[in-house]
């Protein structure tokens, strides 16, 4: 992890109180985000059900790849 990535992580963690629940509903366009604890990654789940790995960049999720990933390919 680079120093700038470490700084982004610290800033993101500092903003969390640990008491708030994450969002349960979908976004307006039907997209939702989920964390897969088995592969330790966060995924954007499109309304079609396709899953895209994401990374936290400047406090926002950004897709790591334009290609969707299936659950069976992750294990």
PDB file of N, CA and C in Angstrom:
ATOM      1  N   UNK A   1       0.856  -1.167   0.000  1.00  0.00           N
ATOM      2  CA  UNK A   1       0.000   0.000   0.000  1.00  0.00           C
ATOM      3  C   UNK A   1       0.905   1.234   0.000  1.00  0.00           C
ATOM      4  N   UNK A   2       0.603   2.148  -0.888  1.00  0.00           N
ATOM      5  CA  UNK A   2       1.404   3.361  -0.990  1.00  0.00           C
ATOM      6  C   UNK A   2       1.023   4.334   0.137  1.00  0.00           C
ATOM      7  N   UNK A   3       1.882   5.291   0.436  1.00  0.00           N
ATOM      8  CA  UNK A   3       1.530   6.271   1.470  1.00  0.00           C
ATOM      9  C   UNK A   3       0.241   7.035   1.167  1.00  0.00           C
ATOM     10  N   UNK A   4      -0.001   7.367  -0.091  1.00  0.00           N
ATOM     11  CA  UNK A   4      -1.239   8.096  -0.418  1.00  0.00           C
ATOM     12  C   UNK A   4      -2.465   7.196  -0.243  1.00  0.00           C
ATOM     13  N   UNK A   5      -2.346   5.911  -0.586  1.00  0.00           N
ATOM     14  CA  UNK A   5      -3.463   4.977  -0.376  1.00  0.00           C
ATOM     15  C   UNK A   5      -3.725   4.798   1.117  1.00  0.00           C
ATOM     16  N   UNK A   6      -2.664   4.720   1.896  1.00  0.00           N
ATOM     17  CA  UNK A   6      -2.798   4.582   3.339  1.00  0.00           C
ATOM     18  C   UNK A   6      -3.492   5.815   3.923  1.00  0.00           C
ATOM     19  N   UNK A   7      -3.129   7.000   3.439  1.00  0.00           N
ATOM     20  CA  UNK A   7      -3.757   8.236   3.903  1.00  0.00           C
ATOM     21  C   UNK A   7      -5.246   8.252   3.564  1.00  0.00           C
ATOM     22  N   UNK A   8      -5.609   7.817   2.348  1.00  0.00           N
ATOM     23  CA  UNK A   8      -7.028   7.751   1.959  1.00  0.00           C
ATOM     24  C   UNK A   8      -7.790   6.804   2.883  1.00  0.00           C
ATOM     25  N   UNK A   9      -7.190   5.683   3.212  1.00  0.00           N
ATOM     26  CA  UNK A   9      -7.831   4.710   4.093  1.00  0.00           C
ATOM     27  C   UNK A   9      -8.041   5.312   5.478  1.00  0.00           C
ATOM     28  N   UNK A  10      -7.035   5.967   6.008  1.00  0.00           N
ATOM     29  CA  UNK A  10      -7.146   6.582   7.328  1.00  0.00           C
ATOM     30  C   UNK A  10      -8.247   7.639   7.332  1.00  0.00           C
ATOM     31  N   UNK A  11      -8.317   8.453   6.289  1.00  0.00           N
ATOM     32  CA  UNK A  11      -9.360   9.479   6.204  1.00  0.00           C
ATOM     33  C   UNK A  11     -10.744   8.860   6.119  1.00  0.00           C
ATOM     34  N   UNK A  12     -10.868   7.792   5.344  1.00  0.00           N
ATOM     35  CA  UNK A  12     -12.170   7.118   5.227  1.00  0.00           C
ATOM     36  C   UNK A  12     -12.573   6.503   6.563  1.00  0.00           C
ATOM     37  N   UNK A  13     -11.628   5.879   7.253  1.00  0.00           N
ATOM     38  CA  UNK A  13     -11.931   5.256   8.539  1.00  0.00           C
ATOM     39  C   UNK A  13     -12.234   6.297   9.612  1.00  0.00           C
ATOM     40  N   UNK A  14     -11.574   7.446   9.548  1.00  0.00           N
ATOM     41  CA  UNK A  14     -11.818   8.510  10.527  1.00  0.00           C
ATOM     42  C   UNK A  14     -13.238   9.040  10.430  1.00  0.00           C
ATOM     43  N   UNK A  15     -13.820   8.969   9.242  1.00  0.00           N
ATOM     44  CA  UNK A  15     -15.184   9.459   9.038  1.00  0.00           C
ATOM     45  C   UNK A  15     -16.251   8.493   9.521  1.00  0.00           C
ATOM     46  N   UNK A  16     -15.854   7.312   9.925  1.00  0.00           N
ATOM     47  CA  UNK A  16     -16.812   6.318  10.395  1.00  0.00           C
ATOM     48  C   UNK A  16     -16.912   6.355  11.915  1.00  0.00           C
ATOM     49  N   UNK A  17     -18.106   6.424  12.425  1.00  0.00           N
ATOM     50  CA  UNK A  17     -18.299   6.426  13.869  1.00  0.00           C
ATOM     51  C   UNK A  17     -18.439   5.001  14.393  1.00  0.00           C
ATOM     52  N   UNK A  18     -18.745   4.068  13.515  1.00  0.00           N
ATOM     53  CA  UNK A  18     -18.939   2.688  13.943  1.00  0.00           C
ATOM     54  C   UNK A  18     -20.334   2.423  14.463  1.00  0.00           C
ATOM     55  N   UNK A  19     -21.160   3.446  14.513  1.00  0.00           N
ATOM     56  CA  UNK A  19     -22.506   3.289  15.025  1.00  0.00           C
ATOM     57  C   UNK A  19     -23.560   3.314  13.930  1.00  0.00           C
ATOM     58  N   UNK A  20     -23.199   3.857  12.772  1.00  0.00           N
ATOM     59  CA  UNK A  20     -24.162   3.952  11.690  1.00  0.00           C
ATOM     60  C   UNK A  20     -24.206   2.641  10.911  1.00  0.00           C
ATOM     61  N   UNK A  21     -25.403   2.291  10.488  1.00  0.00           N
ATOM     62  CA  UNK A  21     -25.556   1.136   9.612  1.00  0.00           C
ATOM     63  C   UNK A  21     -25.304   1.565   8.185  1.00  0.00           C
ATOM     64  N   UNK A  22     -24.822   0.670   7.386  1.00  0.00           N
ATOM     65  CA  UNK A  22     -24.639   0.957   5.969  1.00  0.00           C
ATOM     66  C   UNK A  22     -25.975   0.998   5.257  1.00  0.00           C
ATOM     67  N   UNK A  23     -25.991   1.488   4.031  1.00  0.00           N
ATOM     68  CA  UNK A  23     -27.256   1.560   3.296  1.00  0.00           C
ATOM     69  C   UNK A  23     -27.783   0.164   2.969  1.00  0.00           C
ATOM     70  N   UNK A  24     -29.060  -0.005   3.132  1.00  0.00           N
ATOM     71  CA  UNK A  24     -29.690  -1.295   2.836  1.00  0.00           C
ATOM     72  C   UNK A  24     -30.399  -1.266   1.486  1.00  0.00           C
ATOM     73  N   UNK A  25     -30.870  -0.107   1.103  1.00  0.00           N
ATOM     74  CA  UNK A  25     -31.650   0.016  -0.130  1.00  0.00           C
ATOM     75  C   UNK A  25     -30.728   0.208  -1.329  1.00  0.00           C
ATOM     76  N   UNK A  26     -31.328   0.059  -2.480  1.00  0.00           N
ATOM     77  CA  UNK A  26     -30.604   0.292  -3.730  1.00  0.00           C
ATOM     78  C   UNK A  26     -30.563   1.786  -4.023  1.00  0.00           C
ATOM     79  N   UNK A  27     -29.621   2.177  -4.858  1.00  0.00           N
ATOM     80  CA  UNK A  27     -29.570   3.557  -5.314  1.00  0.00           C
ATOM     81  C   UNK A  27     -30.711   3.797  -6.293  1.00  0.00           C
ATOM     82  N   UNK A  28     -30.904   5.033  -6.689  1.00  0.00           N
ATOM     83  CA  UNK A  28     -32.014   5.393  -7.578  1.00  0.00           C
ATOM     84  C   UNK A  28     -32.000   4.576  -8.862  1.00  0.00           C
ATOM     85  N   UNK A  29     -30.811   4.327  -9.417  1.00  0.00           N
ATOM     86  CA  UNK A  29     -30.721   3.567 -10.669  1.00  0.00           C
ATOM     87  C   UNK A  29     -30.771   2.056 -10.467  1.00  0.00           C
ATOM     88  N   UNK A  30     -30.944   1.599  -9.213  1.00  0.00           N
ATOM     89  CA  UNK A  30     -31.046   0.166  -8.934  1.00  0.00           C
ATOM     90  C   UNK A  30     -29.732  -0.477  -8.545  1.00  0.00           C
ATOM     91  N   UNK A  31     -28.651   0.273  -8.581  1.00  0.00           N
ATOM     92  CA  UNK A  31     -27.336  -0.250  -8.216  1.00  0.00           C
ATOM     93  C   UNK A  31     -27.234  -0.370  -6.697  1.00  0.00           C
ATOM     94  N   UNK A  32     -26.508  -1.389  -6.246  1.00  0.00           N
ATOM     95  CA  UNK A  32     -26.224  -1.518  -4.818  1.00  0.00           C
ATOM     96  C   UNK A  32     -24.781  -1.976  -4.668  1.00  0.00           C
ATOM     97  N   UNK A  33     -24.256  -1.873  -3.474  1.00  0.00           N
ATOM     98  CA  UNK A  33     -22.899  -2.306  -3.187  1.00  0.00           C
ATOM     99  C   UNK A  33     -22.948  -3.364  -2.106  1.00  0.00           C
ATOM    100  N   UNK A  34     -22.090  -4.355  -2.228  1.00  0.00           N
ATOM    101  CA  UNK A  34     -22.032  -5.385  -1.193  1.00  0.00           C
ATOM    102  C   UNK A  34     -20.580  -5.800  -0.975  1.00  0.00           C
ATOM    103  N   UNK A  35     -20.299  -6.187   0.260  1.00  0.00           N
ATOM    104  CA  UNK A  35     -18.966  -6.654   0.628  1.00  0.00           C
ATOM    105  C   UNK A  35     -19.005  -8.169   0.693  1.00  0.00           C
ATOM    106  N   UNK A  36     -18.068  -8.816   0.018  1.00  0.00           N
ATOM    107  CA  UNK A  36     -17.958 -10.278   0.045  1.00  0.00           C
ATOM    108  C   UNK A  36     -16.829 -10.625   1.008  1.00  0.00           C
ATOM    109  N   UNK A  37     -17.188 -11.133   2.188  1.00  0.00           N
ATOM    110  CA  UNK A  37     -16.179 -11.404   3.214  1.00  0.00           C
ATOM    111  C   UNK A  37     -15.269 -12.576   2.850  1.00  0.00           C
ATOM    112  N   UNK A  38     -15.710 -13.449   1.973  1.00  0.00           N
ATOM    113  CA  UNK A  38     -14.859 -14.586   1.589  1.00  0.00           C
ATOM    114  C   UNK A  38     -13.681 -14.146   0.735  1.00  0.00           C
ATOM    115  N   UNK A  39     -13.889 -13.172  -0.141  1.00  0.00           N
ATOM    116  CA  UNK A  39     -12.797 -12.682  -0.993  1.00  0.00           C
ATOM    117  C   UNK A  39     -12.286 -11.329  -0.526  1.00  0.00           C
ATOM    118  N   UNK A  40     -12.930 -10.773   0.526  1.00  0.00           N
ATOM    119  CA  UNK A  40     -12.531  -9.498   1.121  1.00  0.00           C
ATOM    120  C   UNK A  40     -12.477  -8.368   0.100  1.00  0.00           C
ATOM    121  N   UNK A  41     -13.573  -8.244  -0.668  1.00  0.00           N
ATOM    122  CA  UNK A  41     -13.700  -7.200  -1.693  1.00  0.00           C
ATOM    123  C   UNK A  41     -15.099  -6.616  -1.640  1.00  0.00           C
ATOM    124  N   UNK A  42     -15.214  -5.380  -2.081  1.00  0.00           N
ATOM    125  CA  UNK A  42     -16.516  -4.736  -2.236  1.00  0.00           C
ATOM    126  C   UNK A  42     -16.866  -4.776  -3.715  1.00  0.00           C
ATOM    127  N   UNK A  43     -18.152  -5.034  -4.001  1.00  0.00           N
ATOM    128  CA  UNK A  43     -18.620  -5.145  -5.370  1.00  0.00           C
ATOM    129  C   UNK A  43     -19.790  -4.217  -5.609  1.00  0.00           C
ATOM    130  N   UNK A  44     -19.831  -3.654  -6.817  1.00  0.00           N
ATOM    131  CA  UNK A  44     -21.003  -2.931  -7.289  1.00  0.00           C
ATOM    132  C   UNK A  44     -21.879  -3.966  -7.964  1.00  0.00           C
ATOM    133  N   UNK A  45     -23.140  -4.035  -7.556  1.00  0.00           N
ATOM    134  CA  UNK A  45     -24.071  -4.985  -8.153  1.00  0.00           C
ATOM    135  C   UNK A  45     -25.069  -4.190  -8.975  1.00  0.00           C
ATOM    136  N   UNK A  46     -24.994  -4.372 -10.286  1.00  0.00           N
ATOM    137  CA  UNK A  46     -25.875  -3.654 -11.207  1.00  0.00           C
ATOM    138  C   UNK A  46     -27.289  -4.237 -11.122  1.00  0.00           C
ATOM    139  N   UNK A  47     -28.294  -3.496 -11.586  1.00  0.00           N
ATOM    140  CA  UNK A  47     -29.663  -4.006 -11.579  1.00  0.00           C
ATOM    141  C   UNK A  47     -29.801  -5.344 -12.310  1.00  0.00           C
ATOM    142  N   UNK A  48     -28.926  -5.595 -13.280  1.00  0.00           N
ATOM    143  CA  UNK A  48     -28.965  -6.857 -14.021  1.00  0.00           C
ATOM    144  C   UNK A  48     -28.406  -8.022 -13.203  1.00  0.00           C
ATOM    145  N   UNK A  49     -27.754  -7.703 -12.058  1.00  0.00           N
ATOM    146  CA  UNK A  49     -27.154  -8.742 -11.222  1.00  0.00           C
ATOM    147  C   UNK A  49     -25.662  -8.915 -11.465  1.00  0.00           C
ATOM    148  N   UNK A  50     -25.140  -8.252 -12.493  1.00  0.00           N
ATOM    149  CA  UNK A  50     -23.699  -8.359 -12.759  1.00  0.00           C
ATOM    150  C   UNK A  50     -22.931  -7.655 -11.654  1.00  0.00           C
ATOM    151  N   UNK A  51     -21.792  -8.249 -11.273  1.00  0.00           N
ATOM    152  CA  UNK A  51     -20.981  -7.736 -10.167  1.00  0.00           C
ATOM    153  C   UNK A  51     -19.653  -7.210 -10.694  1.00  0.00           C
ATOM    154  N   UNK A  52     -19.282  -6.016 -10.239  1.00  0.00           N
ATOM    155  CA  UNK A  52     -18.026  -5.388 -10.641  1.00  0.00           C
ATOM    156  C   UNK A  52     -17.214  -5.083  -9.388  1.00  0.00           C
ATOM    157  N   UNK A  53     -15.940  -5.493  -9.333  1.00  0.00           N
ATOM    158  CA  UNK A  53     -15.117  -5.131  -8.172  1.00  0.00           C
ATOM    159  C   UNK A  53     -14.883  -3.625  -8.162  1.00  0.00           C
ATOM    160  N   UNK A  54     -14.911  -3.026  -6.961  1.00  0.00           N
ATOM    161  CA  UNK A  54     -14.704  -1.594  -6.831  1.00  0.00           C
ATOM    162  C   UNK A  54     -13.612  -1.309  -5.807  1.00  0.00           C
ATOM    163  N   UNK A  55     -13.067  -0.109  -5.885  1.00  0.00           N
ATOM    164  CA  UNK A  55     -12.074   0.375  -4.927  1.00  0.00           C
ATOM    165  C   UNK A  55     -12.507   1.755  -4.470  1.00  0.00           C
ATOM    166  N   UNK A  56     -12.105   2.124  -3.261  1.00  0.00           N
ATOM    167  CA  UNK A  56     -12.422   3.444  -2.738  1.00  0.00           C
ATOM    168  C   UNK A  56     -11.381   4.437  -3.245  1.00  0.00           C
ATOM    169  N   UNK A  57     -11.834   5.409  -4.037  1.00  0.00           N
ATOM    170  CA  UNK A  57     -10.947   6.426  -4.608  1.00  0.00           C
ATOM    171  C   UNK A  57     -11.523   7.794  -4.257  1.00  0.00           C
ATOM    172  N   UNK A  58     -10.773   8.564  -3.517  1.00  0.00           N
ATOM    173  CA  UNK A  58     -11.198   9.904  -3.093  1.00  0.00           C
ATOM    174  C   UNK A  58     -12.568   9.869  -2.413  1.00  0.00           C
ATOM    175  N   UNK A  59     -12.795   8.845  -1.587  1.00  0.00           N
ATOM    176  CA  UNK A  59     -14.033   8.742  -0.829  1.00  0.00           C
ATOM    177  C   UNK A  59     -15.229   8.214  -1.595  1.00  0.00           C
ATOM    178  N   UNK A  60     -15.021   7.770  -2.838  1.00  0.00           N
ATOM    179  CA  UNK A  60     -16.117   7.230  -3.647  1.00  0.00           C
ATOM    180  C   UNK A  60     -15.688   5.901  -4.243  1.00  0.00           C
ATOM    181  N   UNK A  61     -16.664   5.010  -4.448  1.00  0.00           N
ATOM    182  CA  UNK A  61     -16.360   3.734  -5.084  1.00  0.00           C
ATOM    183  C   UNK A  61     -16.152   3.930  -6.571  1.00  0.00           C
ATOM    184  N   UNK A  62     -15.122   3.287  -7.108  1.00  0.00           N
ATOM    185  CA  UNK A  62     -14.824   3.340  -8.536  1.00  0.00           C
ATOM    186  C   UNK A  62     -14.547   1.912  -8.997  1.00  0.00           C
ATOM    187  N   UNK A  63     -15.128   1.545 -10.143  1.00  0.00           N
ATOM    188  CA  UNK A  63     -14.913   0.191 -10.671  1.00  0.00           C
ATOM    189  C   UNK A  63     -13.444  -0.048 -10.973  1.00  0.00           C
ATOM    190  N   UNK A  64     -12.962  -1.231 -10.588  1.00  0.00           N
ATOM    191  CA  UNK A  64     -11.596  -1.636 -10.914  1.00  0.00           C
ATOM    192  C   UNK A  64     -11.507  -2.156 -12.340  1.00  0.00           C
ATOM    193  N   UNK A  65     -12.632  -2.644 -12.851  1.00  0.00           N
ATOM    194  CA  UNK A  65     -12.648  -3.255 -14.171  1.00  0.00           C
ATOM    195  C   UNK A  65     -13.992  -2.997 -14.832  1.00  0.00           C
ATOM    196  N   UNK A  66     -13.982  -2.893 -16.149  1.00  0.00           N
ATOM    197  CA  UNK A  66     -15.241  -2.726 -16.883  1.00  0.00           C
ATOM    198  C   UNK A  66     -15.943  -4.062 -17.076  1.00  0.00           C
ATOM    199  N   UNK A  67     -15.200  -5.156 -16.842  1.00  0.00           N
ATOM    200  CA  UNK A  67     -15.783  -6.486 -17.029  1.00  0.00           C
ATOM    201  C   UNK A  67     -16.380  -6.991 -15.730  1.00  0.00           C
ATOM    202  N   UNK A  68     -17.604  -7.538 -15.794  1.00  0.00           N
ATOM    203  CA  UNK A  68     -18.215  -8.100 -14.574  1.00  0.00           C
ATOM    204  C   UNK A  68     -17.498  -9.376 -14.155  1.00  0.00           C
ATOM    205  N   UNK A  69     -17.659  -9.727 -12.884  1.00  0.00           N
ATOM    206  CA  UNK A  69     -17.032 -10.914 -12.312  1.00  0.00           C
ATOM    207  C   UNK A  69     -18.141 -11.809 -11.770  1.00  0.00           C
ATOM    208  N   UNK A  70     -18.055 -13.097 -12.020  1.00  0.00           N
ATOM    209  CA  UNK A  70     -19.044 -14.006 -11.450  1.00  0.00           C
ATOM    210  C   UNK A  70     -18.541 -14.517 -10.111  1.00  0.00           C
ATOM    211  N   UNK A  71     -19.457 -14.914  -9.247  1.00  0.00           N
ATOM    212  CA  UNK A  71     -19.075 -15.404  -7.931  1.00  0.00           C
ATOM    213  C   UNK A  71     -18.210 -16.644  -8.005  1.00  0.00           C
ATOM    214  N   UNK A  72     -18.482 -17.518  -8.953  1.00  0.00           N
ATOM    215  CA  UNK A  72     -17.709 -18.762  -9.025  1.00  0.00           C
ATOM    216  C   UNK A  72     -16.262 -18.513  -9.442  1.00  0.00           C
ATOM    217  N   UNK A  73     -15.965 -17.416 -10.142  1.00  0.00           N
ATOM    218  CA  UNK A  73     -14.606 -17.103 -10.539  1.00  0.00           C
ATOM    219  C   UNK A  73     -13.798 -16.513  -9.397  1.00  0.00           C
ATOM    220  N   UNK A  74     -14.456 -16.136  -8.291  1.00  0.00           N
ATOM    221  CA  UNK A  74     -13.764 -15.498  -7.183  1.00  0.00           C
ATOM    222  C   UNK A  74     -13.210 -16.494  -6.187  1.00  0.00           C
ATOM    223  N   UNK A  75     -13.677 -17.679  -6.182  1.00  0.00           N
ATOM    224  CA  UNK A  75     -13.294 -18.647  -5.140  1.00  0.00           C
ATOM    225  C   UNK A  75     -12.246 -19.600  -5.619  1.00  0.00           C
TER     226      UNK A  75
END
